[in-house]
């Protein structure tokens, strides 16, 4: 996770609930993308995905102090979501995406 101060964040400020819902959807999409490649993430990896997405969504148009306060208040919800998301990848069988072997491979240095 890398944090940078946005000089001009043009995203609209949304409610905390909407920000957390959007971050959950994005986090789940990212974890499922790893799963579709035949990979399972550790609980700590899932936590990082969930927490970084929550922070990214919550900081839109909020002052640093406000963001920190809201983020800290949402930690339990984020941790519970990360647990569910981690368990969910164990329950779903993972089938790696097929590799296309009949397509030519082209490499470029530019």
PDB file of N, CA and C in Angstrom:
ATOM      1  N   UNK A   1       0.855  -1.155   0.000  1.00  0.00           N
ATOM      2  CA  UNK A   1       0.000   0.000   0.000  1.00  0.00           C
ATOM      3  C   UNK A   1       0.904   1.222   0.000  1.00  0.00           C
ATOM      4  N   UNK A   2       0.631   2.134  -0.896  1.00  0.00           N
ATOM      5  CA  UNK A   2       1.385   3.374  -1.002  1.00  0.00           C
ATOM      6  C   UNK A   2       0.397   4.519  -0.874  1.00  0.00           C
ATOM      7  N   UNK A   3       0.702   5.455  -0.024  1.00  0.00           N
ATOM      8  CA  UNK A   3      -0.173   6.621   0.161  1.00  0.00           C
ATOM      9  C   UNK A   3       0.536   7.863  -0.344  1.00  0.00           C
ATOM     10  N   UNK A   4      -0.208   8.653  -1.092  1.00  0.00           N
ATOM     11  CA  UNK A   4       0.296   9.924  -1.586  1.00  0.00           C
ATOM     12  C   UNK A   4      -0.771  10.979  -1.349  1.00  0.00           C
ATOM     13  N   UNK A   5      -0.345  12.155  -1.039  1.00  0.00           N
ATOM     14  CA  UNK A   5      -1.291  13.242  -0.879  1.00  0.00           C
ATOM     15  C   UNK A   5      -1.700  13.714  -2.265  1.00  0.00           C
ATOM     16  N   UNK A   6      -2.987  13.735  -2.500  1.00  0.00           N
ATOM     17  CA  UNK A   6      -3.489  14.172  -3.798  1.00  0.00           C
ATOM     18  C   UNK A   6      -3.556  15.693  -3.823  1.00  0.00           C
ATOM     19  N   UNK A   7      -2.912  16.278  -4.786  1.00  0.00           N
ATOM     20  CA  UNK A   7      -2.911  17.736  -4.903  1.00  0.00           C
ATOM     21  C   UNK A   7      -4.302  18.248  -5.263  1.00  0.00           C
ATOM     22  N   UNK A   8      -4.984  17.513  -6.097  1.00  0.00           N
ATOM     23  CA  UNK A   8      -6.306  17.956  -6.545  1.00  0.00           C
ATOM     24  C   UNK A   8      -7.199  16.741  -6.741  1.00  0.00           C
ATOM     25  N   UNK A   9      -7.726  16.229  -5.657  1.00  0.00           N
ATOM     26  CA  UNK A   9      -8.609  15.066  -5.719  1.00  0.00           C
ATOM     27  C   UNK A   9      -9.980  15.536  -6.182  1.00  0.00           C
ATOM     28  N   UNK A  10     -10.369  15.135  -7.345  1.00  0.00           N
ATOM     29  CA  UNK A  10     -11.621  15.607  -7.929  1.00  0.00           C
ATOM     30  C   UNK A  10     -12.801  14.683  -7.651  1.00  0.00           C
ATOM     31  N   UNK A  11     -12.551  13.601  -6.931  1.00  0.00           N
ATOM     32  CA  UNK A  11     -13.655  12.697  -6.632  1.00  0.00           C
ATOM     33  C   UNK A  11     -14.622  13.358  -5.665  1.00  0.00           C
ATOM     34  N   UNK A  12     -15.904  13.083  -5.806  1.00  0.00           N
ATOM     35  CA  UNK A  12     -16.870  13.678  -4.876  1.00  0.00           C
ATOM     36  C   UNK A  12     -16.792  13.004  -3.507  1.00  0.00           C
ATOM     37  N   UNK A  13     -17.129  13.757  -2.483  1.00  0.00           N
ATOM     38  CA  UNK A  13     -17.210  13.201  -1.135  1.00  0.00           C
ATOM     39  C   UNK A  13     -18.517  12.431  -1.040  1.00  0.00           C
ATOM     40  N   UNK A  14     -18.419  11.176  -0.646  1.00  0.00           N
ATOM     41  CA  UNK A  14     -19.608  10.339  -0.494  1.00  0.00           C
ATOM     42  C   UNK A  14     -19.743   9.958   0.971  1.00  0.00           C
ATOM     43  N   UNK A  15     -20.884   9.426   1.330  1.00  0.00           N
ATOM     44  CA  UNK A  15     -21.102   9.019   2.711  1.00  0.00           C
ATOM     45  C   UNK A  15     -20.123   7.911   3.089  1.00  0.00           C
ATOM     46  N   UNK A  16     -19.902   7.773   4.360  1.00  0.00           N
ATOM     47  CA  UNK A  16     -19.000   6.726   4.853  1.00  0.00           C
ATOM     48  C   UNK A  16     -19.497   5.356   4.419  1.00  0.00           C
ATOM     49  N   UNK A  17     -20.793   5.138   4.527  1.00  0.00           N
ATOM     50  CA  UNK A  17     -21.371   3.851   4.139  1.00  0.00           C
ATOM     51  C   UNK A  17     -21.145   3.560   2.660  1.00  0.00           C
ATOM     52  N   UNK A  18     -21.352   4.575   1.814  1.00  0.00           N
ATOM     53  CA  UNK A  18     -21.153   4.392   0.371  1.00  0.00           C
ATOM     54  C   UNK A  18     -19.680   4.137   0.056  1.00  0.00           C
ATOM     55  N   UNK A  19     -18.790   4.850   0.750  1.00  0.00           N
ATOM     56  CA  UNK A  19     -17.353   4.660   0.527  1.00  0.00           C
ATOM     57  C   UNK A  19     -16.928   3.244   0.926  1.00  0.00           C
ATOM     58  N   UNK A  20     -17.422   2.764   2.068  1.00  0.00           N
ATOM     59  CA  UNK A  20     -17.066   1.409   2.512  1.00  0.00           C
ATOM     60  C   UNK A  20     -17.663   0.343   1.604  1.00  0.00           C
ATOM     61  N   UNK A  21     -18.859   0.579   1.111  1.00  0.00           N
ATOM     62  CA  UNK A  21     -19.469  -0.386   0.190  1.00  0.00           C
ATOM     63  C   UNK A  21     -18.672  -0.439  -1.113  1.00  0.00           C
ATOM     64  N   UNK A  22     -18.304   0.709  -1.641  1.00  0.00           N
ATOM     65  CA  UNK A  22     -17.514   0.746  -2.874  1.00  0.00           C
ATOM     66  C   UNK A  22     -16.155   0.088  -2.670  1.00  0.00           C
ATOM     67  N   UNK A  23     -15.537   0.339  -1.515  1.00  0.00           N
ATOM     68  CA  UNK A  23     -14.229  -0.265  -1.251  1.00  0.00           C
ATOM     69  C   UNK A  23     -14.353  -1.776  -1.121  1.00  0.00           C
ATOM     70  N   UNK A  24     -15.438  -2.254  -0.516  1.00  0.00           N
ATOM     71  CA  UNK A  24     -15.650  -3.695  -0.399  1.00  0.00           C
ATOM     72  C   UNK A  24     -15.824  -4.360  -1.751  1.00  0.00           C
ATOM     73  N   UNK A  25     -16.580  -3.717  -2.613  1.00  0.00           N
ATOM     74  CA  UNK A  25     -16.787  -4.258  -3.968  1.00  0.00           C
ATOM     75  C   UNK A  25     -15.472  -4.327  -4.727  1.00  0.00           C
ATOM     76  N   UNK A  26     -14.692  -3.259  -4.652  1.00  0.00           N
ATOM     77  CA  UNK A  26     -13.404  -3.232  -5.347  1.00  0.00           C
ATOM     78  C   UNK A  26     -12.435  -4.252  -4.765  1.00  0.00           C
ATOM     79  N   UNK A  27     -12.392  -4.351  -3.449  1.00  0.00           N
ATOM     80  CA  UNK A  27     -11.497  -5.317  -2.799  1.00  0.00           C
ATOM     81  C   UNK A  27     -11.869  -6.741  -3.195  1.00  0.00           C
ATOM     82  N   UNK A  28     -13.159  -7.031  -3.192  1.00  0.00           N
ATOM     83  CA  UNK A  28     -13.592  -8.381  -3.572  1.00  0.00           C
ATOM     84  C   UNK A  28     -13.231  -8.683  -5.019  1.00  0.00           C
ATOM     85  N   UNK A  29     -13.400  -7.721  -5.899  1.00  0.00           N
ATOM     86  CA  UNK A  29     -13.032  -7.901  -7.305  1.00  0.00           C
ATOM     87  C   UNK A  29     -11.546  -8.214  -7.434  1.00  0.00           C
ATOM     88  N   UNK A  30     -10.712  -7.507  -6.690  1.00  0.00           N
ATOM     89  CA  UNK A  30      -9.265  -7.740  -6.759  1.00  0.00           C
ATOM     90  C   UNK A  30      -8.883  -9.109  -6.229  1.00  0.00           C
ATOM     91  N   UNK A  31      -9.483  -9.511  -5.108  1.00  0.00           N
ATOM     92  CA  UNK A  31      -9.184 -10.839  -4.554  1.00  0.00           C
ATOM     93  C   UNK A  31      -9.652 -11.928  -5.512  1.00  0.00           C
ATOM     94  N   UNK A  32     -10.819 -11.773  -6.085  1.00  0.00           N
ATOM     95  CA  UNK A  32     -11.337 -12.778  -7.029  1.00  0.00           C
ATOM     96  C   UNK A  32     -10.469 -12.851  -8.288  1.00  0.00           C
ATOM     97  N   UNK A  33      -9.896 -11.729  -8.684  1.00  0.00           N
ATOM     98  CA  UNK A  33      -9.006 -11.744  -9.846  1.00  0.00           C
ATOM     99  C   UNK A  33      -7.777 -12.603  -9.548  1.00  0.00           C
ATOM    100  N   UNK A  34      -7.223 -12.488  -8.356  1.00  0.00           N
ATOM    101  CA  UNK A  34      -6.121 -13.367  -7.955  1.00  0.00           C
ATOM    102  C   UNK A  34      -6.584 -14.818  -7.946  1.00  0.00           C
ATOM    103  N   UNK A  35      -7.769 -15.062  -7.389  1.00  0.00           N
ATOM    104  CA  UNK A  35      -8.295 -16.422  -7.327  1.00  0.00           C
ATOM    105  C   UNK A  35      -8.484 -17.021  -8.709  1.00  0.00           C
ATOM    106  N   UNK A  36      -8.931 -16.223  -9.661  1.00  0.00           N
ATOM    107  CA  UNK A  36      -9.164 -16.733 -11.016  1.00  0.00           C
ATOM    108  C   UNK A  36      -7.865 -17.116 -11.717  1.00  0.00           C
ATOM    109  N   UNK A  37      -6.754 -16.602 -11.211  1.00  0.00           N
ATOM    110  CA  UNK A  37      -5.446 -16.958 -11.752  1.00  0.00           C
ATOM    111  C   UNK A  37      -4.859 -18.168 -11.021  1.00  0.00           C
ATOM    112  N   UNK A  38      -5.681 -18.789 -10.159  1.00  0.00           N
ATOM    113  CA  UNK A  38      -5.224 -19.967  -9.444  1.00  0.00           C
ATOM    114  C   UNK A  38      -4.476 -19.645  -8.166  1.00  0.00           C
ATOM    115  N   UNK A  39      -4.586 -18.440  -7.678  1.00  0.00           N
ATOM    116  CA  UNK A  39      -3.870 -18.009  -6.468  1.00  0.00           C
ATOM    117  C   UNK A  39      -4.851 -17.788  -5.328  1.00  0.00           C
ATOM    118  N   UNK A  40      -4.414 -18.105  -4.143  1.00  0.00           N
ATOM    119  CA  UNK A  40      -5.173 -17.794  -2.934  1.00  0.00           C
ATOM    120  C   UNK A  40      -4.340 -16.820  -2.106  1.00  0.00           C
ATOM    121  N   UNK A  41      -4.988 -15.836  -1.570  1.00  0.00           N
ATOM    122  CA  UNK A  41      -4.286 -14.848  -0.766  1.00  0.00           C
ATOM    123  C   UNK A  41      -4.368 -15.217   0.714  1.00  0.00           C
ATOM    124  N   UNK A  42      -3.316 -14.879   1.443  1.00  0.00           N
ATOM    125  CA  UNK A  42      -3.326 -15.084   2.893  1.00  0.00           C
ATOM    126  C   UNK A  42      -4.294 -14.082   3.515  1.00  0.00           C
ATOM    127  N   UNK A  43      -4.652 -14.335   4.754  1.00  0.00           N
ATOM    128  CA  UNK A  43      -5.539 -13.407   5.456  1.00  0.00           C
ATOM    129  C   UNK A  43      -4.907 -12.020   5.535  1.00  0.00           C
ATOM    130  N   UNK A  44      -3.615 -11.944   5.805  1.00  0.00           N
ATOM    131  CA  UNK A  44      -2.955 -10.632   5.862  1.00  0.00           C
ATOM    132  C   UNK A  44      -2.975  -9.925   4.516  1.00  0.00           C
ATOM    133  N   UNK A  45      -2.801 -10.664   3.424  1.00  0.00           N
ATOM    134  CA  UNK A  45      -2.877 -10.044   2.097  1.00  0.00           C
ATOM    135  C   UNK A  45      -4.278  -9.504   1.834  1.00  0.00           C
ATOM    136  N   UNK A  46      -5.289 -10.275   2.202  1.00  0.00           N
ATOM    137  CA  UNK A  46      -6.674  -9.823   2.017  1.00  0.00           C
ATOM    138  C   UNK A  46      -6.927  -8.581   2.866  1.00  0.00           C
ATOM    139  N   UNK A  47      -6.411  -8.569   4.083  1.00  0.00           N
ATOM    140  CA  UNK A  47      -6.569  -7.389   4.946  1.00  0.00           C
ATOM    141  C   UNK A  47      -5.976  -6.144   4.290  1.00  0.00           C
ATOM    142  N   UNK A  48      -4.795  -6.278   3.709  1.00  0.00           N
ATOM    143  CA  UNK A  48      -4.153  -5.135   3.063  1.00  0.00           C
ATOM    144  C   UNK A  48      -5.000  -4.640   1.891  1.00  0.00           C
ATOM    145  N   UNK A  49      -5.537  -5.550   1.114  1.00  0.00           N
ATOM    146  CA  UNK A  49      -6.390  -5.157  -0.015  1.00  0.00           C
ATOM    147  C   UNK A  49      -7.612  -4.400   0.507  1.00  0.00           C
ATOM    148  N   UNK A  50      -8.270  -4.951   1.510  1.00  0.00           N
ATOM    149  CA  UNK A  50      -9.482  -4.332   2.056  1.00  0.00           C
ATOM    150  C   UNK A  50      -9.168  -2.971   2.681  1.00  0.00           C
ATOM    151  N   UNK A  51      -8.143  -2.910   3.513  1.00  0.00           N
ATOM    152  CA  UNK A  51      -7.819  -1.652   4.195  1.00  0.00           C
ATOM    153  C   UNK A  51      -7.352  -0.566   3.226  1.00  0.00           C
ATOM    154  N   UNK A  52      -6.564  -0.949   2.230  1.00  0.00           N
ATOM    155  CA  UNK A  52      -6.097   0.062   1.276  1.00  0.00           C
ATOM    156  C   UNK A  52      -7.247   0.601   0.438  1.00  0.00           C
ATOM    157  N   UNK A  53      -8.190  -0.258   0.066  1.00  0.00           N
ATOM    158  CA  UNK A  53      -9.345   0.216  -0.697  1.00  0.00           C
ATOM    159  C   UNK A  53     -10.231   1.099   0.164  1.00  0.00           C
ATOM    160  N   UNK A  54     -10.404   0.735   1.434  1.00  0.00           N
ATOM    161  CA  UNK A  54     -11.215   1.566   2.333  1.00  0.00           C
ATOM    162  C   UNK A  54     -10.581   2.943   2.484  1.00  0.00           C
ATOM    163  N   UNK A  55      -9.291   2.980   2.695  1.00  0.00           N
ATOM    164  CA  UNK A  55      -8.592   4.260   2.846  1.00  0.00           C
ATOM    165  C   UNK A  55      -8.704   5.099   1.578  1.00  0.00           C
ATOM    166  N   UNK A  56      -8.539   4.464   0.443  1.00  0.00           N
ATOM    167  CA  UNK A  56      -8.633   5.192  -0.827  1.00  0.00           C
ATOM    168  C   UNK A  56     -10.022   5.807  -1.018  1.00  0.00           C
ATOM    169  N   UNK A  57     -11.054   5.069  -0.681  1.00  0.00           N
ATOM    170  CA  UNK A  57     -12.428   5.585  -0.859  1.00  0.00           C
ATOM    171  C   UNK A  57     -12.777   6.631   0.190  1.00  0.00           C
ATOM    172  N   UNK A  58     -12.334   6.424   1.412  1.00  0.00           N
ATOM    173  CA  UNK A  58     -12.695   7.337   2.493  1.00  0.00           C
ATOM    174  C   UNK A  58     -11.993   8.690   2.396  1.00  0.00           C
ATOM    175  N   UNK A  59     -10.836   8.762   1.757  1.00  0.00           N
ATOM    176  CA  UNK A  59     -10.082  10.017   1.742  1.00  0.00           C
ATOM    177  C   UNK A  59     -10.598  11.018   0.718  1.00  0.00           C
ATOM    178  N   UNK A  60     -11.487  10.623  -0.163  1.00  0.00           N
ATOM    179  CA  UNK A  60     -11.983  11.547  -1.181  1.00  0.00           C
ATOM    180  C   UNK A  60     -12.673  12.753  -0.545  1.00  0.00           C
ATOM    181  N   UNK A  61     -12.084  13.932  -0.756  1.00  0.00           N
ATOM    182  CA  UNK A  61     -12.637  15.217  -0.294  1.00  0.00           C
ATOM    183  C   UNK A  61     -12.766  15.332   1.231  1.00  0.00           C
ATOM    184  N   UNK A  62     -12.005  14.542   1.965  1.00  0.00           N
ATOM    185  CA  UNK A  62     -11.999  14.663   3.420  1.00  0.00           C
ATOM    186  C   UNK A  62     -10.640  15.184   3.869  1.00  0.00           C
ATOM    187  N   UNK A  63     -10.642  15.951   4.926  1.00  0.00           N
ATOM    188  CA  UNK A  63      -9.395  16.417   5.524  1.00  0.00           C
ATOM    189  C   UNK A  63      -8.681  15.215   6.146  1.00  0.00           C
ATOM    190  N   UNK A  64      -7.379  15.312   6.298  1.00  0.00           N
ATOM    191  CA  UNK A  64      -6.578  14.214   6.821  1.00  0.00           C
ATOM    192  C   UNK A  64      -7.078  13.727   8.177  1.00  0.00           C
ATOM    193  N   UNK A  65      -7.341  14.644   9.085  1.00  0.00           N
ATOM    194  CA  UNK A  65      -7.825  14.269  10.417  1.00  0.00           C
ATOM    195  C   UNK A  65      -9.166  13.564  10.362  1.00  0.00           C
ATOM    196  N   UNK A  66     -10.060  14.060   9.518  1.00  0.00           N
ATOM    197  CA  UNK A  66     -11.373  13.431   9.369  1.00  0.00           C
ATOM    198  C   UNK A  66     -11.238  12.032   8.779  1.00  0.00           C
ATOM    199  N   UNK A  67     -10.364  11.913   7.777  1.00  0.00           N
ATOM    200  CA  UNK A  67     -10.151  10.613   7.146  1.00  0.00           C
ATOM    201  C   UNK A  67      -9.630   9.615   8.157  1.00  0.00           C
ATOM    202  N   UNK A  68      -8.660  10.012   8.946  1.00  0.00           N
ATOM    203  CA  UNK A  68      -8.083   9.130   9.948  1.00  0.00           C
ATOM    204  C   UNK A  68      -9.134   8.688  10.963  1.00  0.00           C
ATOM    205  N   UNK A  69      -9.948   9.613  11.413  1.00  0.00           N
ATOM    206  CA  UNK A  69     -10.980   9.298  12.395  1.00  0.00           C
ATOM    207  C   UNK A  69     -11.996   8.302  11.815  1.00  0.00           C
ATOM    208  N   UNK A  70     -12.445   8.550  10.605  1.00  0.00           N
ATOM    209  CA  UNK A  70     -13.413   7.663   9.959  1.00  0.00           C
ATOM    210  C   UNK A  70     -12.787   6.294   9.682  1.00  0.00           C
ATOM    211  N   UNK A  71     -11.538   6.299   9.229  1.00  0.00           N
ATOM    212  CA  UNK A  71     -10.836   5.049   8.930  1.00  0.00           C
ATOM    213  C   UNK A  71     -10.681   4.203  10.193  1.00  0.00           C
ATOM    214  N   UNK A  72     -10.258   4.831  11.285  1.00  0.00           N
ATOM    215  CA  UNK A  72     -10.100   4.104  12.545  1.00  0.00           C
ATOM    216  C   UNK A  72     -11.428   3.549  13.037  1.00  0.00           C
ATOM    217  N   UNK A  73     -12.502   4.312  12.860  1.00  0.00           N
ATOM    218  CA  UNK A  73     -13.823   3.860  13.288  1.00  0.00           C
ATOM    219  C   UNK A  73     -14.327   2.683  12.453  1.00  0.00           C
ATOM    220  N   UNK A  74     -13.824   2.540  11.243  1.00  0.00           N
ATOM    221  CA  UNK A  74     -14.297   1.466  10.358  1.00  0.00           C
ATOM    222  C   UNK A  74     -13.407   0.222  10.394  1.00  0.00           C
ATOM    223  N   UNK A  75     -12.364   0.221  11.220  1.00  0.00           N
ATOM    224  CA  UNK A  75     -11.415  -0.892  11.247  1.00  0.00           C
ATOM    225  C   UNK A  75     -12.075  -2.233  11.576  1.00  0.00           C
ATOM    226  N   UNK A  76     -12.988  -2.258  12.536  1.00  0.00           N
ATOM    227  CA  UNK A  76     -13.639  -3.524  12.896  1.00  0.00           C
ATOM    228  C   UNK A  76     -14.460  -4.063  11.731  1.00  0.00           C
ATOM    229  N   UNK A  77     -15.189  -3.182  11.062  1.00  0.00           N
ATOM    230  CA  UNK A  77     -15.980  -3.609   9.910  1.00  0.00           C
ATOM    231  C   UNK A  77     -15.075  -4.124   8.791  1.00  0.00           C
ATOM    232  N   UNK A  78     -13.971  -3.433   8.560  1.00  0.00           N
ATOM    233  CA  UNK A  78     -13.028  -3.860   7.520  1.00  0.00           C
ATOM    234  C   UNK A  78     -12.403  -5.209   7.876  1.00  0.00           C
ATOM    235  N   UNK A  79     -12.054  -5.394   9.138  1.00  0.00           N
ATOM    236  CA  UNK A  79     -11.453  -6.661   9.568  1.00  0.00           C
ATOM    237  C   UNK A  79     -12.439  -7.806   9.406  1.00  0.00           C
ATOM    238  N   UNK A  80     -13.696  -7.576   9.766  1.00  0.00           N
ATOM    239  CA  UNK A  80     -14.718  -8.618   9.612  1.00  0.00           C
ATOM    240  C   UNK A  80     -14.930  -8.946   8.136  1.00  0.00           C
ATOM    241  N   UNK A  81     -14.949  -7.916   7.293  1.00  0.00           N
ATOM    242  CA  UNK A  81     -15.112  -8.149   5.854  1.00  0.00           C
ATOM    243  C   UNK A  81     -13.925  -8.932   5.293  1.00  0.00           C
ATOM    244  N   UNK A  82     -12.714  -8.583   5.734  1.00  0.00           N
ATOM    245  CA  UNK A  82     -11.515  -9.299   5.269  1.00  0.00           C
ATOM    246  C   UNK A  82     -11.580 -10.771   5.669  1.00  0.00           C
ATOM    247  N   UNK A  83     -12.041 -11.055   6.876  1.00  0.00           N
ATOM    248  CA  UNK A  83     -12.192 -12.450   7.331  1.00  0.00           C
ATOM    249  C   UNK A  83     -13.161 -13.207   6.416  1.00  0.00           C
ATOM    250  N   UNK A  84     -14.314 -12.590   6.144  1.00  0.00           N
ATOM    251  CA  UNK A  84     -15.312 -13.246   5.276  1.00  0.00           C
ATOM    252  C   UNK A  84     -14.763 -13.456   3.874  1.00  0.00           C
ATOM    253  N   UNK A  85     -14.099 -12.459   3.353  1.00  0.00           N
ATOM    254  CA  UNK A  85     -13.538 -12.557   2.005  1.00  0.00           C
ATOM    255  C   UNK A  85     -12.458 -13.623   1.943  1.00  0.00           C
ATOM    256  N   UNK A  86     -11.632 -13.711   2.961  1.00  0.00           N
ATOM    257  CA  UNK A  86     -10.591 -14.741   3.020  1.00  0.00           C
ATOM    258  C   UNK A  86     -11.207 -16.133   3.074  1.00  0.00           C
ATOM    259  N   UNK A  87     -12.195 -16.316   3.954  1.00  0.00           N
ATOM    260  CA  UNK A  87     -12.867 -17.620   4.041  1.00  0.00           C
ATOM    261  C   UNK A  87     -13.572 -17.964   2.734  1.00  0.00           C
ATOM    262  N   UNK A  88     -14.148 -16.971   2.089  1.00  0.00           N
ATOM    263  CA  UNK A  88     -14.868 -17.198   0.831  1.00  0.00           C
ATOM    264  C   UNK A  88     -13.984 -17.747  -0.267  1.00  0.00           C
ATOM    265  N   UNK A  89     -12.733 -17.362  -0.279  1.00  0.00           N
ATOM    266  CA  UNK A  89     -11.852 -17.892  -1.323  1.00  0.00           C
ATOM    267  C   UNK A  89     -11.488 -19.344  -1.020  1.00  0.00           C
ATOM    268  N   UNK A  90     -11.589 -19.777   0.226  1.00  0.00           N
ATOM    269  CA  UNK A  90     -11.345 -21.182   0.578  1.00  0.00           C
ATOM    270  C   UNK A  90     -12.525 -22.055   0.181  1.00  0.00           C
ATOM    271  N   UNK A  91     -13.718 -21.484   0.220  1.00  0.00           N
ATOM    272  CA  UNK A  91     -14.920 -22.256  -0.080  1.00  0.00           C
ATOM    273  C   UNK A  91     -15.134 -22.453  -1.569  1.00  0.00           C
ATOM    274  N   UNK A  92     -14.597 -21.581  -2.369  1.00  0.00           N
ATOM    275  CA  UNK A  92     -14.809 -21.651  -3.811  1.00  0.00           C
ATOM    276  C   UNK A  92     -13.635 -22.350  -4.473  1.00  0.00           C
ATOM    277  N   UNK A  93     -13.903 -23.399  -5.233  1.00  0.00           N
ATOM    278  CA  UNK A  93     -12.796 -24.033  -5.950  1.00  0.00           C
ATOM    279  C   UNK A  93     -12.235 -23.081  -7.001  1.00  0.00           C
ATOM    280  N   UNK A  94     -10.944 -23.088  -7.120  1.00  0.00           N
ATOM    281  CA  UNK A  94     -10.281 -22.193  -8.065  1.00  0.00           C
ATOM    282  C   UNK A  94      -9.862 -22.978  -9.288  1.00  0.00           C
ATOM    283  N   UNK A  95     -10.289 -22.523 -10.431  1.00  0.00           N
ATOM    284  CA  UNK A  95      -9.882 -23.116 -11.694  1.00  0.00           C
ATOM    285  C   UNK A  95      -9.056 -22.083 -12.428  1.00  0.00           C
ATOM    286  N   UNK A  96      -7.775 -22.360 -12.638  1.00  0.00           N
ATOM    287  CA  UNK A  96      -6.950 -21.385 -13.350  1.00  0.00           C
ATOM    288  C   UNK A  96      -7.490 -21.112 -14.745  1.00  0.00           C
ATOM    289  N   UNK A  97      -7.323 -19.897 -15.182  1.00  0.00           N
ATOM    290  CA  UNK A  97      -7.750 -19.529 -16.527  1.00  0.00           C
ATOM    291  C   UNK A  97      -6.952 -20.325 -17.545  1.00  0.00           C
ATOM    292  N   UNK A  98      -7.616 -20.789 -18.611  1.00  0.00           N
ATOM    293  CA  UNK A  98      -6.887 -21.554 -19.626  1.00  0.00           C
ATOM    294  C   UNK A  98      -5.843 -20.685 -20.329  1.00  0.00           C
ATOM    295  N   UNK A  99      -4.758 -21.310 -20.672  1.00  0.00           N
ATOM    296  CA  UNK A  99      -3.693 -20.620 -21.387  1.00  0.00           C
ATOM    297  C   UNK A  99      -3.860 -20.901 -22.872  1.00  0.00           C
ATOM    298  N   UNK A 100      -3.940 -19.837 -23.649  1.00  0.00           N
ATOM    299  CA  UNK A 100      -4.091 -19.994 -25.086  1.00  0.00           C
ATOM    300  C   UNK A 100      -2.758 -20.455 -25.677  1.00  0.00           C
ATOM    301  N   UNK A 101      -2.766 -21.640 -26.263  1.00  0.00           N
ATOM    302  CA  UNK A 101      -1.521 -22.173 -26.821  1.00  0.00           C
ATOM    303  C   UNK A 101      -1.472 -22.047 -28.334  1.00  0.00           C
ATOM    304  N   UNK A 102      -2.598 -21.745 -28.945  1.00  0.00           N
ATOM    305  CA  UNK A 102      -2.615 -21.655 -30.405  1.00  0.00           C
ATOM    306  C   UNK A 102      -2.379 -20.241 -30.905  1.00  0.00           C
ATOM    307  N   UNK A 103      -2.106 -19.311 -30.016  1.00  0.00           N
ATOM    308  CA  UNK A 103      -1.864 -17.940 -30.429  1.00  0.00           C
ATOM    309  C   UNK A 103      -0.373 -17.671 -30.446  1.00  0.00           C
ATOM    310  N   UNK A 104       0.121 -16.971 -31.465  1.00  0.00           N
ATOM    311  CA  UNK A 104       1.544 -16.657 -31.502  1.00  0.00           C
ATOM    312  C   UNK A 104       1.907 -15.681 -30.388  1.00  0.00           C
ATOM    313  N   UNK A 105       3.091 -15.814 -29.899  1.00  0.00           N
ATOM    314  CA  UNK A 105       3.582 -14.926 -28.843  1.00  0.00           C
ATOM    315  C   UNK A 105       4.443 -13.855 -29.493  1.00  0.00           C
ATOM    316  N   UNK A 106       4.169 -12.616 -29.149  1.00  0.00           N
ATOM    317  CA  UNK A 106       4.941 -11.519 -29.706  1.00  0.00           C
ATOM    318  C   UNK A 106       5.579 -10.754 -28.567  1.00  0.00           C
ATOM    319  N   UNK A 107       6.847 -10.571 -28.649  1.00  0.00           N
ATOM    320  CA  UNK A 107       7.570  -9.819 -27.629  1.00  0.00           C
ATOM    321  C   UNK A 107       8.096  -8.534 -28.233  1.00  0.00           C
ATOM    322  N   UNK A 108       8.121  -7.513 -27.438  1.00  0.00           N
ATOM    323  CA  UNK A 108       8.614  -6.227 -27.914  1.00  0.00           C
ATOM    324  C   UNK A 108       9.408  -5.567 -26.795  1.00  0.00           C
ATOM    325  N   UNK A 109      10.467  -4.898 -27.158  1.00  0.00           N
ATOM    326  CA  UNK A 109      11.235  -4.171 -26.175  1.00  0.00           C
ATOM    327  C   UNK A 109      10.800  -2.715 -26.075  1.00  0.00           C
ATOM    328  N   UNK A 110       9.863  -2.309 -26.914  1.00  0.00           N
ATOM    329  CA  UNK A 110       9.422  -0.922 -26.923  1.00  0.00           C
ATOM    330  C   UNK A 110       7.994  -0.809 -26.526  1.00  0.00           C
TER     331      UNK A 110
END
